[in-house]
Amino acid sequence: MGAGIESTLCEFLKTAQFSLQLDESVLPHNEALSLASVRFIKGEKLKQKLLFAREMIADTKGESIFYTVQGFSQEKGIPLTNIMSVATDGAPSMVGCHGDIIS
């Protein structure tokens, strides 16, 4: 994402409530990728933007995905308390019963 566009979006998200959509993917050569997009209301319009696409260092487990989101939020100064809801594809790594990303 262009630096100016990312900066503008992150500045807005510092003070706005938003929903977060998460997905993970494994690319060829076992490269793990985490994707996050956000939905929010700006003015009177519903907006949807790609927040990040980041290579994951370890795996695609819920805990690793959470740390990726948390790291991005800390790096950009976006409070996690601004997240109103989280949507996933329902994969066990995202919504499992053992303390994964949703819990």
C-alpha atoms as a PDB file:
ATOM      1  CA  MET A   1       0.000   0.000   0.000  1.00  0.00           C
ATOM      2  CA  GLY A   2       1.310   3.478  -0.770  1.00  0.00           C
ATOM      3  CA  ALA A   3       2.834   5.152   2.277  1.00  0.00           C
ATOM      4  CA  GLY A   4       0.521   8.176   2.060  1.00  0.00           C
ATOM      5  CA  ILE A   5      -2.630   6.083   1.722  1.00  0.00           C
ATOM      6  CA  GLU A   6      -1.610   3.772   4.568  1.00  0.00           C
ATOM      7  CA  SER A   7      -0.736   6.725   6.793  1.00  0.00           C
ATOM      8  CA  THR A   8      -4.082   8.433   6.120  1.00  0.00           C
ATOM      9  CA  LEU A   9      -6.034   5.241   6.827  1.00  0.00           C
ATOM     10  CA  CYS A  10      -4.106   4.484  10.023  1.00  0.00           C
ATOM     11  CA  GLU A  11      -4.544   8.050  11.304  1.00  0.00           C
ATOM     12  CA  PHE A  12      -8.300   7.720  10.777  1.00  0.00           C
ATOM     13  CA  LEU A  13      -8.438   4.317  12.514  1.00  0.00           C
ATOM     14  CA  LYS A  14      -6.729   5.745  15.610  1.00  0.00           C
ATOM     15  CA  THR A  15      -9.972   7.532  16.496  1.00  0.00           C
ATOM     16  CA  ALA A  16     -12.679   5.532  14.705  1.00  0.00           C
ATOM     17  CA  GLN A  17     -14.442   2.285  15.465  1.00  0.00           C
ATOM     18  CA  PHE A  18     -14.160  -0.348  12.750  1.00  0.00           C
ATOM     19  CA  SER A  19     -14.720  -3.995  11.958  1.00  0.00           C
ATOM     20  CA  LEU A  20     -11.825  -6.222  11.014  1.00  0.00           C
ATOM     21  CA  GLN A  21     -11.888  -9.046   8.468  1.00  0.00           C
ATOM     22  CA  LEU A  22      -9.039 -11.551   8.676  1.00  0.00           C
ATOM     23  CA  ASP A  23      -7.853 -14.317   6.413  1.00  0.00           C
ATOM     24  CA  GLU A  24      -4.737 -16.398   6.181  1.00  0.00           C
ATOM     25  CA  SER A  25      -3.227 -18.186   3.246  1.00  0.00           C
ATOM     26  CA  VAL A  26      -0.288 -20.442   2.550  1.00  0.00           C
ATOM     27  CA  LEU A  27       1.537 -19.625  -0.661  1.00  0.00           C
ATOM     28  CA  PRO A  28       3.860 -21.875  -2.650  1.00  0.00           C
ATOM     29  CA  HIS A  29       7.043 -22.793  -0.762  1.00  0.00           C
ATOM     30  CA  ASN A  30       5.060 -22.741   2.540  1.00  0.00           C
ATOM     31  CA  GLU A  31       5.045 -18.960   2.859  1.00  0.00           C
ATOM     32  CA  ALA A  32       2.250 -17.908   5.224  1.00  0.00           C
ATOM     33  CA  LEU A  33       0.370 -14.675   4.546  1.00  0.00           C
ATOM     34  CA  SER A  34      -2.047 -12.784   6.772  1.00  0.00           C
ATOM     35  CA  LEU A  35      -4.572 -10.409   5.188  1.00  0.00           C
ATOM     36  CA  ALA A  36      -6.633  -7.840   7.060  1.00  0.00           C
ATOM     37  CA  SER A  37      -9.252  -5.466   5.744  1.00  0.00           C
ATOM     38  CA  VAL A  38     -11.357  -2.972   7.646  1.00  0.00           C
ATOM     39  CA  ARG A  39     -14.876  -1.610   7.321  1.00  0.00           C
ATOM     40  CA  PHE A  40     -15.879   1.676   8.861  1.00  0.00           C
ATOM     41  CA  ILE A  41     -18.273   4.559   8.418  1.00  0.00           C
ATOM     42  CA  LYS A  42     -16.807   7.827   7.183  1.00  0.00           C
ATOM     43  CA  GLY A  43     -19.244  10.646   6.759  1.00  0.00           C
ATOM     44  CA  GLU A  44     -22.405   8.796   5.865  1.00  0.00           C
ATOM     45  CA  LYS A  45     -20.721   6.144   3.727  1.00  0.00           C
ATOM     46  CA  LEU A  46     -19.604   2.619   4.539  1.00  0.00           C
ATOM     47  CA  LYS A  47     -15.989   2.174   3.446  1.00  0.00           C
ATOM     48  CA  GLN A  48     -13.906  -0.970   3.050  1.00  0.00           C
ATOM     49  CA  LYS A  49     -10.116  -0.853   2.754  1.00  0.00           C
ATOM     50  CA  LEU A  50      -7.257  -3.339   2.784  1.00  0.00           C
ATOM     51  CA  LEU A  51      -5.374  -2.721   6.012  1.00  0.00           C
ATOM     52  CA  PHE A  52      -2.390  -4.990   5.437  1.00  0.00           C
ATOM     53  CA  ALA A  53      -1.005  -8.094   3.800  1.00  0.00           C
ATOM     54  CA  ARG A  54       1.898  -9.400   5.839  1.00  0.00           C
ATOM     55  CA  GLU A  55       4.097 -12.438   5.641  1.00  0.00           C
ATOM     56  CA  MET A  56       3.825 -14.447   8.820  1.00  0.00           C
ATOM     57  CA  ILE A  57       7.011 -15.575  10.443  1.00  0.00           C
ATOM     58  CA  ALA A  58       5.859 -18.769  12.133  1.00  0.00           C
ATOM     59  CA  ASP A  59       2.611 -20.363  10.971  1.00  0.00           C
ATOM     60  CA  THR A  60      -1.083 -19.627  10.379  1.00  0.00           C
ATOM     61  CA  LYS A  61      -2.287 -20.514  13.869  1.00  0.00           C
ATOM     62  CA  GLY A  62      -4.698 -18.142  15.567  1.00  0.00           C
ATOM     63  CA  GLU A  63      -2.088 -16.985  18.059  1.00  0.00           C
ATOM     64  CA  SER A  64       0.352 -16.062  15.283  1.00  0.00           C
ATOM     65  CA  ILE A  65      -2.364 -14.177  13.406  1.00  0.00           C
ATOM     66  CA  PHE A  66      -3.288 -12.297  16.582  1.00  0.00           C
ATOM     67  CA  TYR A  67       0.334 -11.278  17.152  1.00  0.00           C
ATOM     68  CA  THR A  68       0.533 -10.051  13.552  1.00  0.00           C
ATOM     69  CA  VAL A  69      -2.570  -7.875  14.067  1.00  0.00           C
ATOM     70  CA  GLN A  70      -1.364  -6.712  17.473  1.00  0.00           C
ATOM     71  CA  GLY A  71       2.096  -5.844  16.117  1.00  0.00           C
ATOM     72  CA  PHE A  72       0.644  -3.845  13.232  1.00  0.00           C
ATOM     73  CA  SER A  73      -1.712  -2.005  15.602  1.00  0.00           C
ATOM     74  CA  GLN A  74       1.100  -1.124  17.995  1.00  0.00           C
ATOM     75  CA  GLU A  75       3.386  -0.056  15.159  1.00  0.00           C
ATOM     76  CA  LYS A  76       0.720   2.275  13.741  1.00  0.00           C
ATOM     77  CA  GLY A  77      -0.734   3.410  17.082  1.00  0.00           C
ATOM     78  CA  ILE A  78      -4.200   1.987  16.429  1.00  0.00           C
ATOM     79  CA  PRO A  79      -5.904   0.933  19.682  1.00  0.00           C
ATOM     80  CA  LEU A  80      -7.270  -2.617  19.580  1.00  0.00           C
ATOM     81  CA  THR A  81     -10.236  -1.278  21.563  1.00  0.00           C
ATOM     82  CA  ASN A  82     -11.407   0.463  18.369  1.00  0.00           C
ATOM     83  CA  ILE A  83     -12.223  -2.937  16.839  1.00  0.00           C
ATOM     84  CA  MET A  84     -15.996  -3.426  17.103  1.00  0.00           C
ATOM     85  CA  SER A  85     -16.160  -6.853  15.480  1.00  0.00           C
ATOM     86  CA  VAL A  86     -13.980  -9.458  13.811  1.00  0.00           C
ATOM     87  CA  ALA A  87     -14.952 -11.598  10.832  1.00  0.00           C
ATOM     88  CA  THR A  88     -13.060 -14.669   9.645  1.00  0.00           C
ATOM     89  CA  ASP A  89     -13.613 -17.512   7.218  1.00  0.00           C
ATOM     90  CA  GLY A  90     -14.390 -19.789  10.168  1.00  0.00           C
ATOM     91  CA  ALA A  91     -11.173 -21.766   9.937  1.00  0.00           C
ATOM     92  CA  PRO A  92     -10.334 -23.658  13.142  1.00  0.00           C
ATOM     93  CA  SER A  93      -7.119 -21.645  13.514  1.00  0.00           C
ATOM     94  CA  MET A  94      -9.250 -18.506  13.764  1.00  0.00           C
ATOM     95  CA  VAL A  95     -12.189 -19.593  15.918  1.00  0.00           C
ATOM     96  CA  GLY A  96     -11.047 -22.711  17.758  1.00  0.00           C
ATOM     97  CA  CYS A  97     -12.114 -23.348  21.331  1.00  0.00           C
ATOM     98  CA  HIS A  98      -8.585 -23.153  22.751  1.00  0.00           C
ATOM     99  CA  GLY A  99      -7.849 -19.442  23.007  1.00  0.00           C
ATOM    100  CA  ASP A 100      -7.325 -18.654  19.354  1.00  0.00           C
ATOM    101  CA  ILE A 101      -7.782 -15.262  17.722  1.00  0.00           C
ATOM    102  CA  ILE A 102     -11.492 -14.718  18.404  1.00  0.00           C
ATOM    103  CA  SER A 103     -11.135 -15.480  22.102  1.00  0.00           C
END
